PDB file of all heavy atoms in Angstrom:
ATOM      1  N   GLY A   1       2.380 -18.412  -2.778  1.00  0.00           N
ATOM      2  CA  GLY A   1       1.173 -17.631  -2.782  1.00  0.00           C
ATOM      3  C   GLY A   1       0.002 -18.333  -3.473  1.00  0.00           C
ATOM      4  O   GLY A   1       0.204 -19.374  -4.100  1.00  0.00           O
ATOM      5  N   GLY A   2      -1.163 -17.824  -3.322  1.00  0.00           N
ATOM      6  CA  GLY A   2      -2.335 -18.414  -3.910  1.00  0.00           C
ATOM      7  C   GLY A   2      -3.576 -17.861  -3.332  1.00  0.00           C
ATOM      8  O   GLY A   2      -3.620 -16.844  -2.654  1.00  0.00           O
ATOM      9  N   LEU A   3      -4.664 -18.571  -3.638  1.00  0.00           N
ATOM     10  CA  LEU A   3      -6.003 -18.175  -3.186  1.00  0.00           C
ATOM     11  C   LEU A   3      -6.371 -19.032  -1.974  1.00  0.00           C
ATOM     12  O   LEU A   3      -6.291 -20.287  -2.042  1.00  0.00           O
ATOM     13  CB  LEU A   3      -7.045 -18.380  -4.284  1.00  0.00           C
ATOM     14  CG  LEU A   3      -8.462 -18.106  -3.957  1.00  0.00           C
ATOM     15  CD1 LEU A   3      -8.696 -16.656  -3.605  1.00  0.00           C
ATOM     16  CD2 LEU A   3      -9.363 -18.468  -5.152  1.00  0.00           C
ATOM     17  N   VAL A   4      -6.805 -18.415  -0.931  1.00  0.00           N
ATOM     18  CA  VAL A   4      -7.165 -19.058   0.282  1.00  0.00           C
ATOM     19  C   VAL A   4      -8.383 -18.383   0.943  1.00  0.00           C
ATOM     20  O   VAL A   4      -8.528 -17.171   0.807  1.00  0.00           O
ATOM     21  CB  VAL A   4      -5.982 -19.148   1.251  1.00  0.00           C
ATOM     22  CG1 VAL A   4      -5.587 -17.789   1.725  1.00  0.00           C
ATOM     23  CG2 VAL A   4      -6.270 -20.067   2.458  1.00  0.00           C
ATOM     24  N   GLN A   5      -9.202 -19.179   1.616  1.00  0.00           N
ATOM     25  CA  GLN A   5     -10.348 -18.606   2.305  1.00  0.00           C
ATOM     26  C   GLN A   5      -9.903 -18.000   3.625  1.00  0.00           C
ATOM     27  O   GLN A   5      -8.861 -18.347   4.177  1.00  0.00           O
ATOM     28  CB  GLN A   5     -11.394 -19.641   2.611  1.00  0.00           C
ATOM     29  CG  GLN A   5     -12.109 -20.173   1.347  1.00  0.00           C
ATOM     30  CD  GLN A   5     -13.196 -21.123   1.708  1.00  0.00           C
ATOM     31  OE1 GLN A   5     -13.100 -21.909   2.671  1.00  0.00           O
ATOM     32  NE2 GLN A   5     -14.274 -21.116   0.964  1.00  0.00           N
ATOM     33  N   ALA A   6     -10.624 -17.010   4.073  1.00  0.00           N
ATOM     34  CA  ALA A   6     -10.370 -16.428   5.359  1.00  0.00           C
ATOM     35  C   ALA A   6     -10.295 -17.475   6.419  1.00  0.00           C
ATOM     36  O   ALA A   6     -11.089 -18.380   6.462  1.00  0.00           O
ATOM     37  CB  ALA A   6     -11.440 -15.340   5.731  1.00  0.00           C
ATOM     38  N   GLY A   7      -9.292 -17.314   7.277  1.00  0.00           N
ATOM     39  CA  GLY A   7      -9.073 -18.306   8.305  1.00  0.00           C
ATOM     40  C   GLY A   7      -8.075 -19.364   7.930  1.00  0.00           C
ATOM     41  O   GLY A   7      -7.582 -20.122   8.786  1.00  0.00           O
ATOM     42  N   GLY A   8      -7.754 -19.403   6.661  1.00  0.00           N
ATOM     43  CA  GLY A   8      -6.812 -20.402   6.165  1.00  0.00           C
ATOM     44  C   GLY A   8      -5.345 -19.992   6.374  1.00  0.00           C
ATOM     45  O   GLY A   8      -5.062 -18.975   6.954  1.00  0.00           O
ATOM     46  N   SER A   9      -4.499 -20.788   5.839  1.00  0.00           N
ATOM     47  CA  SER A   9      -3.053 -20.606   5.995  1.00  0.00           C
ATOM     48  C   SER A   9      -2.304 -20.850   4.707  1.00  0.00           C
ATOM     49  O   SER A   9      -2.755 -21.625   3.872  1.00  0.00           O
ATOM     50  CB  SER A   9      -2.497 -21.544   7.068  1.00  0.00           C
ATOM     51  OG  SER A   9      -3.084 -21.391   8.348  1.00  0.00           O
ATOM     52  N   LEU A  10      -1.186 -20.219   4.590  1.00  0.00           N
ATOM     53  CA  LEU A  10      -0.257 -20.421   3.505  1.00  0.00           C
ATOM     54  C   LEU A  10       1.183 -20.297   4.047  1.00  0.00           C
ATOM     55  O   LEU A  10       1.383 -19.573   5.024  1.00  0.00           O
ATOM     56  CB  LEU A  10      -0.432 -19.386   2.359  1.00  0.00           C
ATOM     57  CG  LEU A  10      -1.657 -19.443   1.492  1.00  0.00           C
ATOM     58  CD1 LEU A  10      -1.710 -18.256   0.609  1.00  0.00           C
ATOM     59  CD2 LEU A  10      -1.673 -20.701   0.650  1.00  0.00           C
ATOM     60  N   ARG A  11       2.099 -21.017   3.424  1.00  0.00           N
ATOM     61  CA  ARG A  11       3.513 -20.848   3.739  1.00  0.00           C
ATOM     62  C   ARG A  11       4.180 -20.310   2.533  1.00  0.00           C
ATOM     63  O   ARG A  11       4.243 -20.952   1.493  1.00  0.00           O
ATOM     64  CB  ARG A  11       4.111 -22.151   4.204  1.00  0.00           C
ATOM     65  CG  ARG A  11       5.534 -21.895   4.821  1.00  0.00           C
ATOM     66  CD  ARG A  11       6.244 -23.144   5.257  1.00  0.00           C
ATOM     67  NE  ARG A  11       6.797 -23.886   4.166  1.00  0.00           N
ATOM     68  CZ  ARG A  11       7.846 -24.698   4.243  1.00  0.00           C
ATOM     69  NH1 ARG A  11       8.431 -24.853   5.421  1.00  0.00           N
ATOM     70  NH2 ARG A  11       8.291 -25.344   3.171  1.00  0.00           N
ATOM     71  N   LEU A  12       4.709 -19.114   2.640  1.00  0.00           N
ATOM     72  CA  LEU A  12       5.483 -18.506   1.595  1.00  0.00           C
ATOM     73  C   LEU A  12       6.939 -18.829   1.794  1.00  0.00           C
ATOM     74  O   LEU A  12       7.487 -18.904   2.866  1.00  0.00           O
ATOM     75  CB  LEU A  12       5.298 -17.009   1.618  1.00  0.00           C
ATOM     76  CG  LEU A  12       3.836 -16.465   1.636  1.00  0.00           C
ATOM     77  CD1 LEU A  12       3.848 -14.955   1.555  1.00  0.00           C
ATOM     78  CD2 LEU A  12       3.054 -17.067   0.516  1.00  0.00           C
ATOM     79  N   SER A  13       7.603 -19.020   0.624  1.00  0.00           N
ATOM     80  CA  SER A  13       9.003 -19.280   0.615  1.00  0.00           C
ATOM     81  C   SER A  13       9.725 -18.313  -0.250  1.00  0.00           C
ATOM     82  O   SER A  13       9.182 -17.837  -1.279  1.00  0.00           O
ATOM     83  CB  SER A  13       9.297 -20.729   0.096  1.00  0.00           C
ATOM     84  OG  SER A  13       8.657 -21.690   0.940  1.00  0.00           O
ATOM     85  N   CYS A  14      10.970 -18.043   0.128  1.00  0.00           N
ATOM     86  CA  CYS A  14      11.823 -17.150  -0.680  1.00  0.00           C
ATOM     87  C   CYS A  14      13.210 -17.756  -0.735  1.00  0.00           C
ATOM     88  O   CYS A  14      13.882 -17.875   0.314  1.00  0.00           O
ATOM     89  CB  CYS A  14      11.833 -15.751  -0.136  1.00  0.00           C
ATOM     90  SG  CYS A  14      13.052 -14.661  -0.914  1.00  0.00           S
ATOM     91  N   ALA A  15      13.612 -18.150  -1.871  1.00  0.00           N
ATOM     92  CA  ALA A  15      14.983 -18.759  -2.051  1.00  0.00           C
ATOM     93  C   ALA A  15      15.869 -17.750  -2.688  1.00  0.00           C
ATOM     94  O   ALA A  15      15.624 -17.202  -3.749  1.00  0.00           O
ATOM     95  CB  ALA A  15      14.859 -20.005  -2.898  1.00  0.00           C
ATOM     96  N   ALA A  16      16.995 -17.494  -1.973  1.00  0.00           N
ATOM     97  CA  ALA A  16      17.986 -16.609  -2.481  1.00  0.00           C
ATOM     98  C   ALA A  16      19.135 -17.375  -3.180  1.00  0.00           C
ATOM     99  O   ALA A  16      19.594 -18.399  -2.642  1.00  0.00           O
ATOM    100  CB  ALA A  16      18.536 -15.757  -1.336  1.00  0.00           C
ATOM    101  N   SER A  17      19.520 -16.909  -4.278  1.00  0.00           N
ATOM    102  CA  SER A  17      20.604 -17.566  -5.007  1.00  0.00           C
ATOM    103  C   SER A  17      21.584 -16.514  -5.505  1.00  0.00           C
ATOM    104  O   SER A  17      21.249 -15.295  -5.642  1.00  0.00           O
ATOM    105  CB  SER A  17      20.079 -18.389  -6.191  1.00  0.00           C
ATOM    106  OG  SER A  17      19.441 -17.571  -7.121  1.00  0.00           O
ATOM    107  N   GLY A  18      22.793 -16.923  -5.827  1.00  0.00           N
ATOM    108  CA  GLY A  18      23.759 -16.025  -6.256  1.00  0.00           C
ATOM    109  C   GLY A  18      24.850 -15.856  -5.232  1.00  0.00           C
ATOM    110  O   GLY A  18      24.992 -16.670  -4.302  1.00  0.00           O
ATOM    111  N   SER A  19      25.702 -14.881  -5.403  1.00  0.00           N
ATOM    112  CA  SER A  19      26.829 -14.667  -4.546  1.00  0.00           C
ATOM    113  C   SER A  19      26.400 -13.804  -3.330  1.00  0.00           C
ATOM    114  O   SER A  19      26.483 -12.591  -3.331  1.00  0.00           O
ATOM    115  CB  SER A  19      27.921 -13.944  -5.285  1.00  0.00           C
ATOM    116  OG  SER A  19      29.082 -13.764  -4.495  1.00  0.00           O
ATOM    117  N   ILE A  20      25.977 -14.541  -2.282  1.00  0.00           N
ATOM    118  CA  ILE A  20      25.596 -13.927  -1.030  1.00  0.00           C
ATOM    119  C   ILE A  20      26.444 -14.521   0.057  1.00  0.00           C
ATOM    120  O   ILE A  20      26.467 -15.720   0.270  1.00  0.00           O
ATOM    121  CB  ILE A  20      24.126 -14.088  -0.739  1.00  0.00           C
ATOM    122  CG1 ILE A  20      23.245 -13.515  -1.846  1.00  0.00           C
ATOM    123  CG2 ILE A  20      23.762 -13.488   0.616  1.00  0.00           C
ATOM    124  CD1 ILE A  20      21.761 -13.726  -1.632  1.00  0.00           C
ATOM    125  N   SER A  21      27.121 -13.688   0.810  1.00  0.00           N
ATOM    126  CA  SER A  21      27.976 -14.162   1.891  1.00  0.00           C
ATOM    127  C   SER A  21      27.378 -13.922   3.262  1.00  0.00           C
ATOM    128  O   SER A  21      26.936 -14.832   3.928  1.00  0.00           O
ATOM    129  CB  SER A  21      29.354 -13.491   1.815  1.00  0.00           C
ATOM    130  OG  SER A  21      29.990 -13.858   0.589  1.00  0.00           O
ATOM    131  N   SER A  22      27.303 -12.655   3.642  1.00  0.00           N
ATOM    132  CA  SER A  22      26.853 -12.333   4.981  1.00  0.00           C
ATOM    133  C   SER A  22      25.462 -11.675   4.895  1.00  0.00           C
ATOM    134  O   SER A  22      25.286 -10.571   4.479  1.00  0.00           O
ATOM    135  CB  SER A  22      27.816 -11.339   5.648  1.00  0.00           C
ATOM    136  OG  SER A  22      27.405 -10.989   6.935  1.00  0.00           O
ATOM    137  N   ILE A  23      24.483 -12.464   5.349  1.00  0.00           N
ATOM    138  CA  ILE A  23      23.094 -11.966   5.353  1.00  0.00           C
ATOM    139  C   ILE A  23      22.819 -11.299   6.692  1.00  0.00           C
ATOM    140  O   ILE A  23      22.882 -11.945   7.768  1.00  0.00           O
ATOM    141  CB  ILE A  23      22.106 -13.133   5.114  1.00  0.00           C
ATOM    142  CG1 ILE A  23      22.271 -13.689   3.744  1.00  0.00           C
ATOM    143  CG2 ILE A  23      20.673 -12.617   5.296  1.00  0.00           C
ATOM    144  CD1 ILE A  23      21.352 -14.854   3.387  1.00  0.00           C
ATOM    145  N   HIS A  24      22.475 -10.014   6.629  1.00  0.00           N
ATOM    146  CA  HIS A  24      22.149  -9.318   7.824  1.00  0.00           C
ATOM    147  C   HIS A  24      20.724  -9.573   8.227  1.00  0.00           C
ATOM    148  O   HIS A  24      20.422  -9.782   9.445  1.00  0.00           O
ATOM    149  CB  HIS A  24      22.338  -7.853   7.630  1.00  0.00           C
ATOM    150  CG  HIS A  24      21.901  -6.974   8.783  1.00  0.00           C
ATOM    151  ND1 HIS A  24      22.489  -7.028  10.003  1.00  0.00           N
ATOM    152  CD2 HIS A  24      20.899  -6.044   8.874  1.00  0.00           C
ATOM    153  CE1 HIS A  24      21.925  -6.187  10.825  1.00  0.00           C
ATOM    154  NE2 HIS A  24      20.930  -5.583  10.118  1.00  0.00           N
ATOM    155  N   ALA A  25      19.792  -9.557   7.288  1.00  0.00           N
ATOM    156  CA  ALA A  25      18.403  -9.805   7.594  1.00  0.00           C
ATOM    157  C   ALA A  25      17.688 -10.284   6.358  1.00  0.00           C
ATOM    158  O   ALA A  25      18.054  -9.984   5.224  1.00  0.00           O
ATOM    159  CB  ALA A  25      17.748  -8.513   8.082  1.00  0.00           C
ATOM    160  N   MET A  26      16.608 -11.015   6.600  1.00  0.00           N
ATOM    161  CA  MET A  26      15.669 -11.407   5.568  1.00  0.00           C
ATOM    162  C   MET A  26      14.302 -10.982   6.033  1.00  0.00           C
ATOM    163  O   MET A  26      13.972 -11.028   7.206  1.00  0.00           O
ATOM    164  CB  MET A  26      15.755 -12.920   5.334  1.00  0.00           C
ATOM    165  CG  MET A  26      17.141 -13.454   5.059  1.00  0.00           C
ATOM    166  SD  MET A  26      17.189 -15.223   4.666  1.00  0.00           S
ATOM    167  CE  MET A  26      16.765 -15.200   2.923  1.00  0.00           C
ATOM    168  N   ALA A  27      13.512 -10.511   5.061  1.00  0.00           N
ATOM    169  CA  ALA A  27      12.232  -9.914   5.457  1.00  0.00           C
ATOM    170  C   ALA A  27      11.163 -10.214   4.437  1.00  0.00           C
ATOM    171  O   ALA A  27      11.464 -10.547   3.284  1.00  0.00           O
ATOM    172  CB  ALA A  27      12.416  -8.431   5.649  1.00  0.00           C
ATOM    173  N   TRP A  28       9.965 -10.073   4.851  1.00  0.00           N
ATOM    174  CA  TRP A  28       8.787 -10.086   3.974  1.00  0.00           C
ATOM    175  C   TRP A  28       8.085  -8.744   4.040  1.00  0.00           C
ATOM    176  O   TRP A  28       7.811  -8.225   5.126  1.00  0.00           O
ATOM    177  CB  TRP A  28       7.821 -11.224   4.392  1.00  0.00           C
ATOM    178  CG  TRP A  28       8.311 -12.564   4.054  1.00  0.00           C
ATOM    179  CD1 TRP A  28       8.979 -13.442   4.867  1.00  0.00           C
ATOM    180  CD2 TRP A  28       8.168 -13.240   2.795  1.00  0.00           C
ATOM    181  NE1 TRP A  28       9.235 -14.609   4.220  1.00  0.00           N
ATOM    182  CE2 TRP A  28       8.759 -14.476   2.933  1.00  0.00           C
ATOM    183  CE3 TRP A  28       7.583 -12.873   1.599  1.00  0.00           C
ATOM    184  CZ2 TRP A  28       8.779 -15.415   1.928  1.00  0.00           C
ATOM    185  CZ3 TRP A  28       7.628 -13.808   0.553  1.00  0.00           C
ATOM    186  CH2 TRP A  28       8.220 -15.048   0.703  1.00  0.00           C
ATOM    187  N   TYR A  29       7.803  -8.216   2.910  1.00  0.00           N
ATOM    188  CA  TYR A  29       6.961  -7.032   2.734  1.00  0.00           C
ATOM    189  C   TYR A  29       5.702  -7.426   1.973  1.00  0.00           C
ATOM    190  O   TYR A  29       5.644  -8.477   1.335  1.00  0.00           O
ATOM    191  CB  TYR A  29       7.694  -5.920   1.986  1.00  0.00           C
ATOM    192  CG  TYR A  29       8.808  -5.238   2.778  1.00  0.00           C
ATOM    193  CD1 TYR A  29      10.043  -5.920   3.003  1.00  0.00           C
ATOM    194  CD2 TYR A  29       8.674  -4.000   3.299  1.00  0.00           C
ATOM    195  CE1 TYR A  29      11.051  -5.309   3.683  1.00  0.00           C
ATOM    196  CE2 TYR A  29       9.673  -3.374   4.029  1.00  0.00           C
ATOM    197  CZ  TYR A  29      10.851  -4.023   4.216  1.00  0.00           C
ATOM    198  OH  TYR A  29      11.885  -3.415   4.879  1.00  0.00           O
ATOM    199  N   ARG A  30       4.723  -6.557   1.984  1.00  0.00           N
ATOM    200  CA  ARG A  30       3.568  -6.743   1.194  1.00  0.00           C
ATOM    201  C   ARG A  30       3.009  -5.417   0.709  1.00  0.00           C
ATOM    202  O   ARG A  30       3.217  -4.411   1.318  1.00  0.00           O
ATOM    203  CB  ARG A  30       2.474  -7.547   1.940  1.00  0.00           C
ATOM    204  CG  ARG A  30       1.837  -6.771   3.092  1.00  0.00           C
ATOM    205  CD  ARG A  30       0.849  -7.681   3.865  1.00  0.00           C
ATOM    206  NE  ARG A  30       0.173  -6.962   4.933  1.00  0.00           N
ATOM    207  CZ  ARG A  30      -0.615  -7.528   5.816  1.00  0.00           C
ATOM    208  NH1 ARG A  30      -0.823  -8.842   5.796  1.00  0.00           N
ATOM    209  NH2 ARG A  30      -1.172  -6.817   6.770  1.00  0.00           N
ATOM    210  N   GLN A  31       2.336  -5.552  -0.397  1.00  0.00           N
ATOM    211  CA  GLN A  31       1.687  -4.324  -0.983  1.00  0.00           C
ATOM    212  C   GLN A  31       0.382  -4.669  -1.623  1.00  0.00           C
ATOM    213  O   GLN A  31       0.276  -5.521  -2.505  1.00  0.00           O
ATOM    214  CB  GLN A  31       2.625  -3.696  -2.041  1.00  0.00           C
ATOM    215  CG  GLN A  31       2.099  -2.325  -2.560  1.00  0.00           C
ATOM    216  CD  GLN A  31       3.142  -1.558  -3.371  1.00  0.00           C
ATOM    217  OE1 GLN A  31       4.010  -2.201  -3.976  1.00  0.00           O
ATOM    218  NE2 GLN A  31       3.096  -0.292  -3.395  1.00  0.00           N
ATOM    219  N   ALA A  32      -0.662  -4.054  -1.126  1.00  0.00           N
ATOM    220  CA  ALA A  32      -1.973  -4.227  -1.674  1.00  0.00           C
ATOM    221  C   ALA A  32      -2.247  -3.120  -2.674  1.00  0.00           C
ATOM    222  O   ALA A  32      -1.631  -2.058  -2.605  1.00  0.00           O
ATOM    223  CB  ALA A  32      -3.032  -4.202  -0.578  1.00  0.00           C
ATOM    224  N   PRO A  33      -3.155  -3.336  -3.626  1.00  0.00           N
ATOM    225  CA  PRO A  33      -3.457  -2.315  -4.582  1.00  0.00           C
ATOM    226  C   PRO A  33      -3.886  -0.988  -3.909  1.00  0.00           C
ATOM    227  O   PRO A  33      -4.684  -0.964  -3.045  1.00  0.00           O
ATOM    228  CB  PRO A  33      -4.626  -2.871  -5.371  1.00  0.00           C
ATOM    229  CG  PRO A  33      -4.442  -4.357  -5.259  1.00  0.00           C
ATOM    230  CD  PRO A  33      -3.951  -4.564  -3.854  1.00  0.00           C
ATOM    231  N   GLY A  34      -3.225   0.074  -4.385  1.00  0.00           N
ATOM    232  CA  GLY A  34      -3.536   1.433  -3.802  1.00  0.00           C
ATOM    233  C   GLY A  34      -2.977   1.720  -2.499  1.00  0.00           C
ATOM    234  O   GLY A  34      -3.253   2.742  -1.911  1.00  0.00           O
TER     235      GLY A  34
END
């Protein structure tokens, strides 16, 4: 994440660690203030 101008791009990453065997799905959610 970070600050970017409109029209720009970012690549978000999410690394999962721990005891995970069978992953059904991975997802991205977002929440803006209010």
